[in-house]
Amino acid sequence: MKNLYLEINPEIQQTLSEGKPIVALESTIISHGMPYPENIKTAKEVEQVVRDNGSIPATIAILNGIMKVGLSENELEFLAKSKDIQKVSRRDIPYIISRKLHGATTVAATMIISQLAGIKVFVTGGIGGVHRGASETFDISADLQELTKTNVAVVCAGPKAILDIGLTIEYLETHGVPVIGFKTSEMPAFYTRTSGFSVDFHLDTEKEIAELLKAKWELGLQGGAVITNPIPEEFEMDKKLIDRAIDSALNDAERNNIAGKNITPFLLDSIKEVTSGKSLISNIELVKNNARVGSRIACELTSLYDED
């Protein structure tokens, strides 16, 4: 039965029907994660990285109340420039669709729409998680809950550095979500390659990751997987600098009573100011690096299913 709220780009639809590899990309990073024109430039470059590594990119957003899988250049430009784009997670999807509004999809929302379209691999920068001080605020990203029930693999550079990484790992463990380190045994922390916390499994090739994903889903074990891919060494930031920037940003957020869905973009903007823009460069490069790995995983996963 056709989903009246879902529109799949013809190139993506053809790729799906041919059983070829596709990589989903979120749109929050375009409308809320970076300033113009860096956002549109990065979006196009990330799509090209996916293509260069063997897969077809499918950037996902909601436009005029329609879930769009695969965006045109004009639609990307609109997301990058418009101030009328809401940040959309699971709870927001029905409202944005029913009111025929525009929405940029978070990790959780992108996973949902990816599964509706039949896409298994999704690339982002960093996942949401348990926020610092969550024992008092109960501020836990919907991304984590989505990973417990939606069959989409998420390639990222670890949880966003502003989060409580230890508690984020504990949450994922409790809910049976595998955390895989690509060529690493330690959880990366977005801007830095290390965090002091271990991943569940260290795998060195994209094929090994694809084999794990296929086994998980064929066993009927519902939910996604987190594939952590450390930022390239040449773009890694100094941990002390990042920690100072995060502490400063958290203090600013508390003074300004900023919380909920507004907290992450506020903190990332504050960190960018404190680091004189260096964090933005690192952010862009880690997303491209994730796109390379995610595209290759999608290719390997497709090959495994072709063998059956």
Protein backbone atom coordinates (compact mmCIF):
# COMPACT_ATOMS: atom_id res chain seq x y z
CA MET A 1 0.00 0.00 0.00
CA LYS A 2 1.38 3.38 -1.02
CA ASN A 3 2.27 5.76 1.81
CA LEU A 4 0.60 9.08 0.97
CA TYR A 5 2.99 10.96 3.25
CA LEU A 6 6.17 9.55 1.66
CA GLU A 7 7.75 10.73 -1.58
CA ILE A 8 10.84 8.91 -2.86
CA ASN A 9 13.04 10.63 -5.43
CA PRO A 10 12.97 8.73 -8.80
CA GLU A 11 16.72 8.00 -8.64
CA ILE A 12 16.33 6.57 -5.14
CA GLN A 13 13.27 4.57 -6.15
CA GLN A 14 15.10 3.04 -9.09
CA THR A 15 18.12 2.23 -6.91
CA LEU A 16 15.84 0.55 -4.36
CA SER A 17 14.08 -1.50 -7.03
CA GLU A 18 17.44 -2.63 -8.41
CA GLY A 19 18.67 -3.62 -4.94
CA LYS A 20 21.69 -1.32 -5.11
CA PRO A 21 23.30 0.41 -2.10
CA ILE A 22 21.79 3.59 -0.66
CA VAL A 23 22.91 5.77 2.25
CA ALA A 24 20.44 7.97 4.11
CA LEU A 25 21.55 11.43 5.24
CA GLU A 26 19.85 13.68 7.78
CA SER A 27 18.86 17.30 7.19
CA THR A 28 19.14 18.87 10.67
CA ILE A 29 22.83 19.37 10.03
CA ILE A 30 21.85 21.55 7.05
CA SER A 31 19.17 23.72 8.64
CA HIS A 32 20.28 23.78 12.28
CA GLY A 33 23.84 22.46 12.43
CA MET A 34 25.83 24.86 10.27
CA PRO A 35 25.57 28.43 8.96
CA TYR A 36 24.99 29.31 5.30
CA PRO A 37 26.83 28.78 2.94
CA GLU A 38 28.89 26.13 4.74
CA ASN A 39 25.75 24.04 5.25
CA ILE A 40 24.79 23.70 1.58
CA LYS A 41 28.41 23.25 0.51
CA THR A 42 28.86 20.47 3.06
CA ALA A 43 25.55 18.80 2.13
CA LYS A 44 26.57 18.59 -1.52
CA GLU A 45 30.09 17.42 -0.70
CA VAL A 46 28.82 14.68 1.62
CA GLU A 47 26.42 13.46 -1.06
CA GLN A 48 29.34 13.33 -3.50
CA VAL A 49 31.50 11.39 -1.03
CA VAL A 50 28.72 8.79 -0.78
CA ARG A 51 28.62 8.48 -4.58
CA ASP A 52 32.41 8.31 -4.87
CA ASN A 53 32.39 5.31 -2.54
CA GLY A 54 29.77 3.29 -4.40
CA SER A 55 26.37 4.19 -2.96
CA ILE A 56 23.56 6.60 -3.82
CA PRO A 57 22.87 9.37 -1.26
CA ALA A 58 19.33 9.98 0.00
CA THR A 59 19.08 13.18 2.03
CA ILE A 60 15.85 13.13 4.02
CA ALA A 61 13.57 15.98 5.14
CA ILE A 62 9.88 16.91 5.41
CA LEU A 63 8.72 19.60 2.98
CA ASN A 64 5.14 20.87 2.83
CA GLY A 65 4.12 17.98 5.06
CA ILE A 66 5.63 15.30 2.81
CA MET A 67 8.48 13.03 3.91
CA LYS A 68 11.02 13.39 1.12
CA VAL A 69 13.67 10.72 0.51
CA GLY A 70 16.30 12.20 -1.79
CA LEU A 71 16.30 15.96 -2.30
CA SER A 72 16.80 18.06 -5.41
CA GLU A 73 19.41 20.82 -5.49
CA ASN A 74 16.66 23.43 -5.09
CA GLU A 75 15.28 21.60 -2.05
CA LEU A 76 18.72 21.45 -0.48
CA GLU A 77 19.13 25.20 -1.08
CA PHE A 78 15.74 25.85 0.51
CA LEU A 79 16.70 23.88 3.63
CA ALA A 80 20.02 25.72 3.83
CA LYS A 81 18.56 29.23 3.53
CA SER A 82 15.04 29.17 4.99
CA LYS A 83 14.42 30.21 8.59
CA ASP A 84 11.07 28.41 8.49
CA ILE A 85 12.43 24.89 9.07
CA GLN A 86 11.52 23.09 12.27
CA LYS A 87 13.72 20.49 13.94
CA VAL A 88 11.84 17.19 13.75
CA SER A 89 12.18 14.11 15.94
CA ARG A 90 9.76 11.15 16.33
CA ARG A 91 7.14 13.06 18.35
CA ASP A 92 7.06 15.95 15.84
CA ILE A 93 6.48 13.99 12.61
CA PRO A 94 2.63 13.78 12.81
CA TYR A 95 2.32 17.49 13.63
CA ILE A 96 4.65 18.64 10.84
CA ILE A 97 2.89 16.38 8.32
CA SER A 98 -0.68 17.29 9.38
CA ARG A 99 0.08 21.01 9.32
CA LYS A 100 1.96 20.69 6.00
CA LEU A 101 5.06 22.36 7.44
CA HIS A 102 8.77 22.06 6.69
CA GLY A 103 11.02 19.98 8.92
CA ALA A 104 14.66 18.99 9.12
CA THR A 105 15.01 15.46 10.42
CA THR A 106 17.10 14.49 13.44
CA VAL A 107 18.75 11.07 13.81
CA ALA A 108 15.53 9.56 15.18
CA ALA A 109 13.27 10.96 12.48
CA THR A 110 15.72 10.10 9.71
CA MET A 111 15.87 6.51 10.97
CA ILE A 112 12.07 6.25 10.91
CA ILE A 113 11.78 7.58 7.36
CA SER A 114 14.74 5.48 6.20
CA GLN A 115 13.00 2.33 7.43
CA LEU A 116 9.76 3.35 5.71
CA ALA A 117 11.71 3.73 2.45
CA GLY A 118 13.68 0.49 2.90
CA ILE A 119 17.11 2.03 3.54
CA LYS A 120 19.36 0.18 6.00
CA VAL A 121 22.40 2.48 6.43
CA PHE A 122 22.35 6.07 7.65
CA VAL A 123 25.26 8.49 8.05
CA THR A 124 25.32 11.40 10.48
CA GLY A 125 27.85 13.44 12.45
CA GLY A 126 27.12 12.39 16.02
CA ILE A 127 24.17 10.77 17.74
CA GLY A 128 22.17 12.32 20.54
CA GLY A 129 22.29 10.70 23.95
CA VAL A 130 22.03 11.21 27.68
CA HIS A 131 22.69 14.85 28.53
CA ARG A 132 24.92 15.88 31.39
CA GLY A 133 22.82 16.32 34.52
CA ALA A 134 20.14 13.96 33.19
CA SER A 135 19.67 12.47 36.67
CA GLU A 136 17.90 15.73 37.48
CA THR A 137 16.55 16.87 34.12
CA PHE A 138 15.74 13.46 32.52
CA ASP A 139 17.04 14.96 29.28
CA ILE A 140 17.69 11.93 27.06
CA SER A 141 17.66 12.19 23.28
CA ALA A 142 14.94 10.33 21.36
CA ASP A 143 17.76 9.07 19.13
CA LEU A 144 18.60 6.42 21.74
CA GLN A 145 15.07 5.07 21.99
CA GLU A 146 14.83 4.94 18.20
CA LEU A 147 17.97 2.82 18.06
CA THR A 148 16.22 0.23 20.25
CA LYS A 149 13.42 -0.43 17.75
CA THR A 150 14.23 0.80 14.23
CA ASN A 151 16.29 -1.45 11.95
CA VAL A 152 18.74 1.10 10.60
CA ALA A 153 22.51 1.19 11.18
CA VAL A 154 23.84 4.61 12.17
CA VAL A 155 27.41 5.57 11.22
CA CYS A 156 28.69 8.41 13.39
CA ALA A 157 31.75 9.86 15.13
CA GLY A 158 30.30 8.82 18.48
CA PRO A 159 27.86 10.73 20.68
CA LYS A 160 28.02 14.52 20.51
CA ALA A 161 30.81 15.71 22.81
CA ILE A 162 28.40 17.82 24.89
CA LEU A 163 26.74 14.65 26.25
CA ASP A 164 27.40 12.29 29.13
CA ILE A 165 29.12 9.62 27.05
CA GLY A 166 29.34 7.05 29.85
CA LEU A 167 25.60 7.16 30.55
CA THR A 168 24.84 7.13 26.83
CA ILE A 169 26.79 3.87 26.47
CA GLU A 170 25.01 2.41 29.52
CA TYR A 171 21.61 3.26 28.02
CA LEU A 172 22.48 1.58 24.72
CA GLU A 173 23.80 -1.49 26.55
CA THR A 174 20.65 -1.80 28.66
CA HIS A 175 18.52 -1.78 25.51
CA GLY A 176 20.69 -4.24 23.58
CA VAL A 177 21.96 -1.81 20.93
CA PRO A 178 25.41 -2.91 19.72
CA VAL A 179 28.07 -0.21 19.64
CA ILE A 180 30.73 -1.06 17.06
CA GLY A 181 34.09 0.65 16.83
CA PHE A 182 35.38 0.85 13.27
CA LYS A 183 39.12 0.22 13.60
CA THR A 184 38.93 1.29 17.26
CA SER A 185 38.24 -0.23 20.67
CA GLU A 186 37.43 3.14 22.25
CA MET A 187 34.32 5.23 21.82
CA PRO A 188 35.19 8.39 19.89
CA ALA A 189 33.80 11.65 21.26
CA PHE A 190 32.87 13.55 18.10
CA TYR A 191 35.65 16.18 17.97
CA THR A 192 38.19 13.80 19.51
CA ARG A 193 39.14 10.21 18.71
CA THR A 194 38.98 9.00 22.30
CA SER A 195 36.68 9.33 25.30
CA GLY A 196 38.01 6.90 27.90
CA PHE A 197 35.07 4.53 27.30
CA SER A 198 35.12 1.24 25.42
CA VAL A 199 32.88 0.17 22.53
CA ASP A 200 31.22 -3.26 22.55
CA PHE A 201 32.93 -4.64 19.45
CA HIS A 202 36.06 -3.66 17.51
CA LEU A 203 35.75 -4.49 13.79
CA ASP A 204 38.36 -3.56 11.19
CA THR A 205 36.51 -3.85 7.88
CA GLU A 206 33.25 -2.64 6.40
CA LYS A 207 32.48 -6.22 5.38
CA GLU A 208 32.70 -7.43 9.00
CA ILE A 209 30.27 -4.71 10.04
CA ALA A 210 27.88 -5.65 7.22
CA GLU A 211 28.02 -9.31 8.29
CA LEU A 212 27.12 -8.34 11.87
CA LEU A 213 24.17 -6.23 10.69
CA LYS A 214 22.85 -8.96 8.43
CA ALA A 215 23.08 -11.57 11.19
CA LYS A 216 21.36 -9.26 13.71
CA TRP A 217 18.38 -8.52 11.50
CA GLU A 218 18.03 -12.05 10.12
CA LEU A 219 17.85 -13.28 13.72
CA GLY A 220 14.89 -10.98 14.25
CA LEU A 221 16.75 -8.83 16.78
CA GLN A 222 14.92 -5.56 16.33
CA GLY A 223 16.68 -2.21 16.47
CA GLY A 224 19.64 -0.46 14.98
CA ALA A 225 23.36 -0.45 15.61
CA VAL A 226 25.78 2.37 16.33
CA ILE A 227 28.91 2.27 14.17
CA THR A 228 31.46 4.67 15.61
CA ASN A 229 34.07 6.05 13.23
CA PRO A 230 36.71 8.33 14.82
CA ILE A 231 37.37 11.73 13.30
CA PRO A 232 40.54 11.68 11.11
CA GLU A 233 43.63 12.49 13.19
CA GLU A 234 44.51 15.60 11.19
CA PHE A 235 41.14 17.18 12.08
CA GLU A 236 40.94 16.06 15.70
CA MET A 237 40.66 18.88 18.22
CA ASP A 238 42.60 19.32 21.44
CA LYS A 239 40.60 17.63 24.21
CA LYS A 240 41.41 20.30 26.80
CA LEU A 241 40.24 23.06 24.46
CA ILE A 242 37.01 21.21 23.69
CA ASP A 243 36.34 20.47 27.37
CA ARG A 244 36.79 24.16 28.24
CA ALA A 245 34.51 25.17 25.37
CA ILE A 246 31.82 22.70 26.46
CA ASP A 247 31.96 23.83 30.10
CA SER A 248 31.62 27.46 29.00
CA ALA A 249 28.72 26.61 26.67
CA LEU A 250 26.90 24.62 29.36
CA ASN A 251 27.20 27.53 31.79
CA ASP A 252 25.84 29.92 29.14
CA ALA A 253 22.90 27.58 28.46
CA GLU A 254 22.04 27.38 32.15
CA ARG A 255 22.19 31.17 32.56
CA ASN A 256 19.89 31.61 29.56
CA ASN A 257 17.45 28.84 30.57
CA ILE A 258 17.99 27.00 27.29
CA ALA A 259 16.85 23.36 27.28
CA GLY A 260 15.07 20.69 25.23
CA LYS A 261 15.52 20.63 21.46
CA ASN A 262 17.20 24.07 21.57
CA ILE A 263 20.09 22.97 23.74
CA THR A 264 22.19 21.10 21.15
CA PRO A 265 22.30 23.83 18.46
CA PHE A 266 22.97 26.44 21.16
CA LEU A 267 25.87 24.46 22.60
CA LEU A 268 27.38 23.73 19.18
CA ASP A 269 27.20 27.44 18.27
CA SER A 270 28.84 28.39 21.56
CA ILE A 271 31.64 25.84 21.04
CA LYS A 272 32.23 27.20 17.54
CA GLU A 273 32.70 30.70 18.97
CA VAL A 274 35.02 29.57 21.75
CA THR A 275 37.17 27.56 19.32
CA SER A 276 37.27 30.40 16.74
CA GLY A 277 35.47 28.26 14.19
CA LYS A 278 37.82 25.28 14.39
CA SER A 279 35.03 23.03 15.67
CA LEU A 280 33.01 23.70 12.51
CA ILE A 281 35.90 22.52 10.32
CA SER A 282 36.21 19.36 12.41
CA ASN A 283 32.45 18.82 12.21
CA ILE A 284 32.49 19.01 8.41
CA GLU A 285 35.43 16.66 8.04
CA LEU A 286 34.09 14.01 10.41
CA VAL A 287 30.79 13.90 8.52
CA LYS A 288 32.64 13.36 5.23
CA ASN A 289 34.69 10.61 6.85
CA ASN A 290 31.52 8.94 8.10
CA ALA A 291 30.04 9.18 4.59
CA ARG A 292 33.00 7.26 3.17
CA VAL A 293 32.65 4.45 5.69
CA GLY A 294 28.85 4.36 5.56
CA SER A 295 28.83 4.14 1.77
CA ARG A 296 31.23 1.21 1.83
CA ILE A 297 29.21 -0.58 4.52
CA ALA A 298 26.07 -0.16 2.38
CA CYS A 299 27.92 -1.67 -0.58
CA GLU A 300 29.09 -4.64 1.48
CA LEU A 301 25.62 -5.20 2.94
CA THR A 302 24.10 -5.15 -0.54
CA SER A 303 26.68 -7.68 -1.75
CA LEU A 304 25.87 -10.03 1.15
CA TYR A 305 22.16 -9.98 0.32
CA ASP A 306 22.96 -10.50 -3.37
CA GLU A 307 24.80 -13.70 -2.44
CA ASP A 308 21.68 -15.22 -0.86
